[in-house]
Amino acid sequence: MSEDKAKKSMIDAAHLADELRNEQDHAMLLEKENKLLEAQIKDAQNRCDEAEQNALKGGKKAISTMETRIRELESELNSENRRFADAQKNLRKSERQIKEQTYTQEEDRKNHERMQTMIDNLQQKIKSYKKQIEEAEAIAALNLSKYKQVHSNLAIRSEEAEAKEHALARARSRSAAP
């Protein structure tokens, strides 16, 4: 059961590691997009400067278009920054989960080792008890054999004693009769 938990924990840890890698890849992608957007903002700023020069020459429409584009790019940048912050938050959460899973796995491994030690000790005690039982059975069998032998000898001696008593009684009755 502990091994199943340990395997599950290892699978979970591997899954979390994959998620972490994916989040890191995603964060890197967001960072690249952020840099791209920053470059676009710089480009837009340059265009804005050009537009201002054109506005001075009569290009007010170009300025308004460029300002709209700048606002759109700033909005996109803010959105990307929020997504990047969320990705960082998810990354930290995944790292914390990996640490928790690793700790749980380590505790399960320690518990498994303790249980295995207890099992080994109990098996040693069982072997010892079996040996004691076998020795006690051997002693009991030996004592039973001795008891049967003594009982048999006692029966034989009792019969012999009874026969001798009858013979003695007959001999006394013969010697008293003449």
C-alpha atoms as a PDB file:
ATOM      1  CA  MET A   1       0.000   0.000   0.000  1.00  0.00           C
ATOM      2  CA  SER A   2       2.880   2.359   0.857  1.00  0.00           C
ATOM      3  CA  GLU A   3       4.541   1.431  -2.431  1.00  0.00           C
ATOM      4  CA  ASP A   4       1.352   2.385  -4.301  1.00  0.00           C
ATOM      5  CA  LYS A   5       1.294   5.716  -2.499  1.00  0.00           C
ATOM      6  CA  ALA A   6       4.973   6.205  -3.272  1.00  0.00           C
ATOM      7  CA  LYS A   7       4.390   5.371  -6.967  1.00  0.00           C
ATOM      8  CA  LYS A   8       1.394   7.705  -7.078  1.00  0.00           C
ATOM      9  CA  SER A   9       3.451  10.424  -5.440  1.00  0.00           C
ATOM     10  CA  MET A  10       6.241   9.896  -7.977  1.00  0.00           C
ATOM     11  CA  ILE A  11       3.723  10.072 -10.863  1.00  0.00           C
ATOM     12  CA  ASP A  12       2.201  13.222  -9.354  1.00  0.00           C
ATOM     13  CA  ALA A  13       5.676  14.719  -8.927  1.00  0.00           C
ATOM     14  CA  ALA A  14       6.527  13.921 -12.570  1.00  0.00           C
ATOM     15  CA  HIS A  15       3.224  15.421 -13.679  1.00  0.00           C
ATOM     16  CA  LEU A  16       3.869  18.552 -11.639  1.00  0.00           C
ATOM     17  CA  ALA A  17       7.401  18.760 -13.068  1.00  0.00           C
ATOM     18  CA  ASP A  18       5.908  18.610 -16.593  1.00  0.00           C
ATOM     19  CA  GLU A  19       3.437  21.337 -15.645  1.00  0.00           C
ATOM     20  CA  LEU A  20       6.306  23.382 -14.232  1.00  0.00           C
ATOM     21  CA  ARG A  21       8.285  23.017 -17.470  1.00  0.00           C
ATOM     22  CA  ASN A  22       5.214  23.990 -19.479  1.00  0.00           C
ATOM     23  CA  GLU A  23       4.655  27.042 -17.271  1.00  0.00           C
ATOM     24  CA  GLN A  24       8.326  27.992 -17.608  1.00  0.00           C
ATOM     25  CA  ASP A  25       8.103  27.641 -21.396  1.00  0.00           C
ATOM     26  CA  HIS A  26       4.954  29.690 -21.368  1.00  0.00           C
ATOM     27  CA  ALA A  27       6.608  32.336 -19.174  1.00  0.00           C
ATOM     28  CA  MET A  28       9.552  32.501 -21.582  1.00  0.00           C
ATOM     29  CA  LEU A  29       7.125  32.869 -24.495  1.00  0.00           C
ATOM     30  CA  LEU A  30       5.335  35.653 -22.664  1.00  0.00           C
ATOM     31  CA  GLU A  31       8.646  37.337 -21.990  1.00  0.00           C
ATOM     32  CA  LYS A  32       9.529  37.153 -25.704  1.00  0.00           C
ATOM     33  CA  GLU A  33       6.125  38.533 -26.589  1.00  0.00           C
ATOM     34  CA  ASN A  34       6.625  41.267 -23.999  1.00  0.00           C
ATOM     35  CA  LYS A  35       9.939  42.220 -25.583  1.00  0.00           C
ATOM     36  CA  LEU A  36       8.310  42.155 -28.994  1.00  0.00           C
ATOM     37  CA  LEU A  37       5.546  44.393 -27.749  1.00  0.00           C
ATOM     38  CA  GLU A  38       8.068  46.734 -26.188  1.00  0.00           C
ATOM     39  CA  ALA A  39       9.861  46.874 -29.528  1.00  0.00           C
ATOM     40  CA  GLN A  40       6.533  47.564 -31.189  1.00  0.00           C
ATOM     41  CA  ILE A  41       5.878  50.328 -28.665  1.00  0.00           C
ATOM     42  CA  LYS A  42       9.267  51.839 -29.451  1.00  0.00           C
ATOM     43  CA  ASP A  43       8.469  51.530 -33.116  1.00  0.00           C
ATOM     44  CA  ALA A  44       5.093  53.118 -32.506  1.00  0.00           C
ATOM     45  CA  GLN A  45       6.738  55.897 -30.544  1.00  0.00           C
ATOM     46  CA  ASN A  46       9.041  56.523 -33.487  1.00  0.00           C
ATOM     47  CA  ARG A  47       6.057  56.579 -35.798  1.00  0.00           C
ATOM     48  CA  CYS A  48       4.346  58.937 -33.396  1.00  0.00           C
ATOM     49  CA  ASP A  49       7.307  61.262 -33.562  1.00  0.00           C
ATOM     50  CA  GLU A  50       7.122  61.113 -37.350  1.00  0.00           C
ATOM     51  CA  ALA A  51       3.412  61.709 -37.154  1.00  0.00           C
ATOM     52  CA  GLU A  52       3.991  64.785 -35.012  1.00  0.00           C
ATOM     53  CA  GLN A  53       6.283  66.120 -37.654  1.00  0.00           C
ATOM     54  CA  ASN A  54       3.646  65.368 -40.276  1.00  0.00           C
ATOM     55  CA  ALA A  55       1.052  67.017 -38.050  1.00  0.00           C
ATOM     56  CA  LEU A  56       3.119  70.096 -38.025  1.00  0.00           C
ATOM     57  CA  LYS A  57       2.892  69.862 -41.775  1.00  0.00           C
ATOM     58  CA  GLY A  58      -0.857  69.203 -41.635  1.00  0.00           C
ATOM     59  CA  GLY A  59      -1.156  65.445 -40.755  1.00  0.00           C
ATOM     60  CA  LYS A  60      -3.491  65.575 -37.759  1.00  0.00           C
ATOM     61  CA  LYS A  61      -5.295  62.454 -38.989  1.00  0.00           C
ATOM     62  CA  ALA A  62      -2.082  60.415 -38.929  1.00  0.00           C
ATOM     63  CA  ILE A  63      -1.446  61.544 -35.346  1.00  0.00           C
ATOM     64  CA  SER A  64      -4.848  60.383 -34.177  1.00  0.00           C
ATOM     65  CA  THR A  65      -4.376  56.998 -35.915  1.00  0.00           C
ATOM     66  CA  MET A  66      -0.993  56.575 -34.302  1.00  0.00           C
ATOM     67  CA  GLU A  67      -2.327  57.513 -30.870  1.00  0.00           C
ATOM     68  CA  THR A  68      -5.074  54.912 -31.271  1.00  0.00           C
ATOM     69  CA  ARG A  69      -2.496  52.310 -32.243  1.00  0.00           C
ATOM     70  CA  ILE A  70      -0.340  53.269 -29.246  1.00  0.00           C
ATOM     71  CA  ARG A  71      -3.308  52.840 -26.914  1.00  0.00           C
ATOM     72  CA  GLU A  72      -4.023  49.427 -28.452  1.00  0.00           C
ATOM     73  CA  LEU A  73      -0.420  48.374 -28.016  1.00  0.00           C
ATOM     74  CA  GLU A  74      -0.347  49.638 -24.441  1.00  0.00           C
ATOM     75  CA  SER A  75      -3.542  47.700 -23.751  1.00  0.00           C
ATOM     76  CA  GLU A  76      -1.975  44.574 -25.264  1.00  0.00           C
ATOM     77  CA  LEU A  77       1.153  45.130 -23.204  1.00  0.00           C
ATOM     78  CA  ASN A  78      -0.897  45.443 -20.015  1.00  0.00           C
ATOM     79  CA  SER A  79      -2.778  42.295 -20.924  1.00  0.00           C
ATOM     80  CA  GLU A  80       0.480  40.426 -21.573  1.00  0.00           C
ATOM     81  CA  ASN A  81       1.910  41.703 -18.294  1.00  0.00           C
ATOM     82  CA  ARG A  82      -1.134  40.365 -16.454  1.00  0.00           C
ATOM     83  CA  ARG A  83      -0.781  37.008 -18.202  1.00  0.00           C
ATOM     84  CA  PHE A  84       2.905  36.955 -17.330  1.00  0.00           C
ATOM     85  CA  ALA A  85       2.095  37.687 -13.652  1.00  0.00           C
ATOM     86  CA  ASP A  86      -0.495  34.895 -13.669  1.00  0.00           C
ATOM     87  CA  ALA A  87       2.028  32.518 -15.208  1.00  0.00           C
ATOM     88  CA  GLN A  88       4.564  33.427 -12.503  1.00  0.00           C
ATOM     89  CA  LYS A  89       1.918  32.829  -9.830  1.00  0.00           C
ATOM     90  CA  ASN A  90       1.077  29.421 -11.338  1.00  0.00           C
ATOM     91  CA  LEU A  91       4.760  28.593 -11.507  1.00  0.00           C
ATOM     92  CA  ARG A  92       5.213  29.326  -7.783  1.00  0.00           C
ATOM     93  CA  LYS A  93       2.085  27.306  -6.991  1.00  0.00           C
ATOM     94  CA  SER A  94       3.409  24.345  -9.010  1.00  0.00           C
ATOM     95  CA  GLU A  95       6.788  24.545  -7.289  1.00  0.00           C
ATOM     96  CA  ARG A  96       5.061  24.544  -3.887  1.00  0.00           C
ATOM     97  CA  GLN A  97       2.978  21.509  -4.885  1.00  0.00           C
ATOM     98  CA  ILE A  98       6.107  19.691  -6.030  1.00  0.00           C
ATOM     99  CA  LYS A  99       7.762  20.383  -2.677  1.00  0.00           C
ATOM    100  CA  GLU A 100       4.675  19.145  -0.833  1.00  0.00           C
ATOM    101  CA  GLN A 101       4.528  15.991  -2.945  1.00  0.00           C
ATOM    102  CA  THR A 102       8.232  15.379  -2.406  1.00  0.00           C
ATOM    103  CA  TYR A 103       7.802  15.777   1.354  1.00  0.00           C
ATOM    104  CA  THR A 104       4.782  13.440   1.352  1.00  0.00           C
ATOM    105  CA  GLN A 105       6.692  10.896  -0.717  1.00  0.00           C
ATOM    106  CA  GLU A 106       9.632  11.031   1.708  1.00  0.00           C
ATOM    107  CA  GLU A 107       7.312  10.544   4.691  1.00  0.00           C
ATOM    108  CA  ASP A 108       5.643   7.591   2.949  1.00  0.00           C
ATOM    109  CA  ARG A 109       9.047   6.056   2.256  1.00  0.00           C
ATOM    110  CA  LYS A 110      10.069   6.453   5.911  1.00  0.00           C
ATOM    111  CA  ASN A 111       6.776   4.917   7.066  1.00  0.00           C
ATOM    112  CA  HIS A 112       7.275   2.031   4.657  1.00  0.00           C
ATOM    113  CA  GLU A 113      10.768   1.420   6.025  1.00  0.00           C
ATOM    114  CA  ARG A 114       9.461   1.470   9.610  1.00  0.00           C
ATOM    115  CA  MET A 115       6.670  -0.945   8.716  1.00  0.00           C
ATOM    116  CA  GLN A 116       9.122  -3.242   6.933  1.00  0.00           C
ATOM    117  CA  THR A 117      11.372  -3.247  10.013  1.00  0.00           C
ATOM    118  CA  MET A 118       8.397  -4.109  12.211  1.00  0.00           C
ATOM    119  CA  ILE A 119       7.378  -6.910   9.827  1.00  0.00           C
ATOM    120  CA  ASP A 120      10.905  -8.309   9.863  1.00  0.00           C
ATOM    121  CA  ASN A 121      10.992  -8.213  13.687  1.00  0.00           C
ATOM    122  CA  LEU A 122       7.609  -9.935  13.922  1.00  0.00           C
ATOM    123  CA  GLN A 123       8.719 -12.615  11.470  1.00  0.00           C
ATOM    124  CA  GLN A 124      11.793 -13.237  13.618  1.00  0.00           C
ATOM    125  CA  LYS A 125       9.561 -13.579  16.702  1.00  0.00           C
ATOM    126  CA  ILE A 126       7.286 -15.991  14.842  1.00  0.00           C
ATOM    127  CA  LYS A 127      10.287 -18.112  13.869  1.00  0.00           C
ATOM    128  CA  SER A 128      11.457 -18.076  17.482  1.00  0.00           C
ATOM    129  CA  TYR A 129       7.996 -19.059  18.751  1.00  0.00           C
ATOM    130  CA  LYS A 130       7.752 -21.861  16.178  1.00  0.00           C
ATOM    131  CA  LYS A 131      11.117 -23.181  17.311  1.00  0.00           C
ATOM    132  CA  GLN A 132      10.002 -23.039  20.970  1.00  0.00           C
ATOM    133  CA  ILE A 133       6.773 -24.865  20.075  1.00  0.00           C
ATOM    134  CA  GLU A 134       8.692 -27.556  18.193  1.00  0.00           C
ATOM    135  CA  GLU A 135      11.029 -27.986  21.172  1.00  0.00           C
ATOM    136  CA  ALA A 136       8.065 -28.130  23.577  1.00  0.00           C
ATOM    137  CA  GLU A 137       6.340 -30.715  21.351  1.00  0.00           C
ATOM    138  CA  ALA A 138       9.499 -32.802  21.246  1.00  0.00           C
ATOM    139  CA  ILE A 139       9.786 -32.647  25.062  1.00  0.00           C
ATOM    140  CA  ALA A 140       6.078 -33.498  25.415  1.00  0.00           C
ATOM    141  CA  ALA A 141       6.455 -36.447  23.038  1.00  0.00           C
ATOM    142  CA  LEU A 142       9.493 -37.657  25.008  1.00  0.00           C
ATOM    143  CA  ASN A 143       7.622 -37.287  28.328  1.00  0.00           C
ATOM    144  CA  LEU A 144       4.577 -39.106  26.884  1.00  0.00           C
ATOM    145  CA  SER A 145       6.838 -41.911  25.710  1.00  0.00           C
ATOM    146  CA  LYS A 146       8.426 -42.117  29.179  1.00  0.00           C
ATOM    147  CA  TYR A 147       4.973 -42.047  30.788  1.00  0.00           C
ATOM    148  CA  LYS A 148       3.722 -44.882  28.559  1.00  0.00           C
ATOM    149  CA  GLN A 149       6.849 -46.895  29.318  1.00  0.00           C
ATOM    150  CA  VAL A 150       6.491 -46.339  33.090  1.00  0.00           C
ATOM    151  CA  HIS A 151       2.761 -47.103  32.889  1.00  0.00           C
ATOM    152  CA  SER A 152       3.500 -50.292  30.943  1.00  0.00           C
ATOM    153  CA  ASN A 153       6.211 -51.298  33.470  1.00  0.00           C
ATOM    154  CA  LEU A 154       3.811 -50.504  36.325  1.00  0.00           C
ATOM    155  CA  ALA A 155       1.107 -52.681  34.795  1.00  0.00           C
ATOM    156  CA  ILE A 156       3.574 -55.525  34.326  1.00  0.00           C
ATOM    157  CA  ARG A 157       4.893 -55.130  37.889  1.00  0.00           C
ATOM    158  CA  SER A 158       1.326 -54.946  39.233  1.00  0.00           C
ATOM    159  CA  GLU A 159       0.435 -58.191  37.457  1.00  0.00           C
ATOM    160  CA  GLU A 160       3.627 -59.827  38.721  1.00  0.00           C
ATOM    161  CA  ALA A 161       2.956 -58.588  42.258  1.00  0.00           C
ATOM    162  CA  GLU A 162      -0.642 -59.876  42.084  1.00  0.00           C
ATOM    163  CA  ALA A 163       0.546 -63.231  40.792  1.00  0.00           C
ATOM    164  CA  LYS A 164       3.118 -63.443  43.573  1.00  0.00           C
ATOM    165  CA  GLU A 165       0.482 -62.506  46.166  1.00  0.00           C
ATOM    166  CA  HIS A 166      -1.781 -65.313  44.868  1.00  0.00           C
ATOM    167  CA  ALA A 167       1.121 -67.702  44.897  1.00  0.00           C
ATOM    168  CA  LEU A 168       2.018 -66.623  48.449  1.00  0.00           C
ATOM    169  CA  ALA A 169      -1.586 -66.962  49.567  1.00  0.00           C
ATOM    170  CA  ARG A 170      -1.756 -70.471  48.089  1.00  0.00           C
ATOM    171  CA  ALA A 171       1.515 -71.403  49.689  1.00  0.00           C
ATOM    172  CA  ARG A 172       0.252 -70.155  53.073  1.00  0.00           C
ATOM    173  CA  SER A 173      -3.019 -72.011  52.723  1.00  0.00           C
ATOM    174  CA  ARG A 174      -1.123 -75.223  51.884  1.00  0.00           C
ATOM    175  CA  SER A 175       1.270 -74.852  54.744  1.00  0.00           C
ATOM    176  CA  ALA A 176      -1.561 -74.110  57.153  1.00  0.00           C
ATOM    177  CA  ALA A 177      -3.653 -77.085  55.912  1.00  0.00           C
ATOM    178  CA  PRO A 178      -1.545 -80.225  56.609  1.00  0.00           C
END
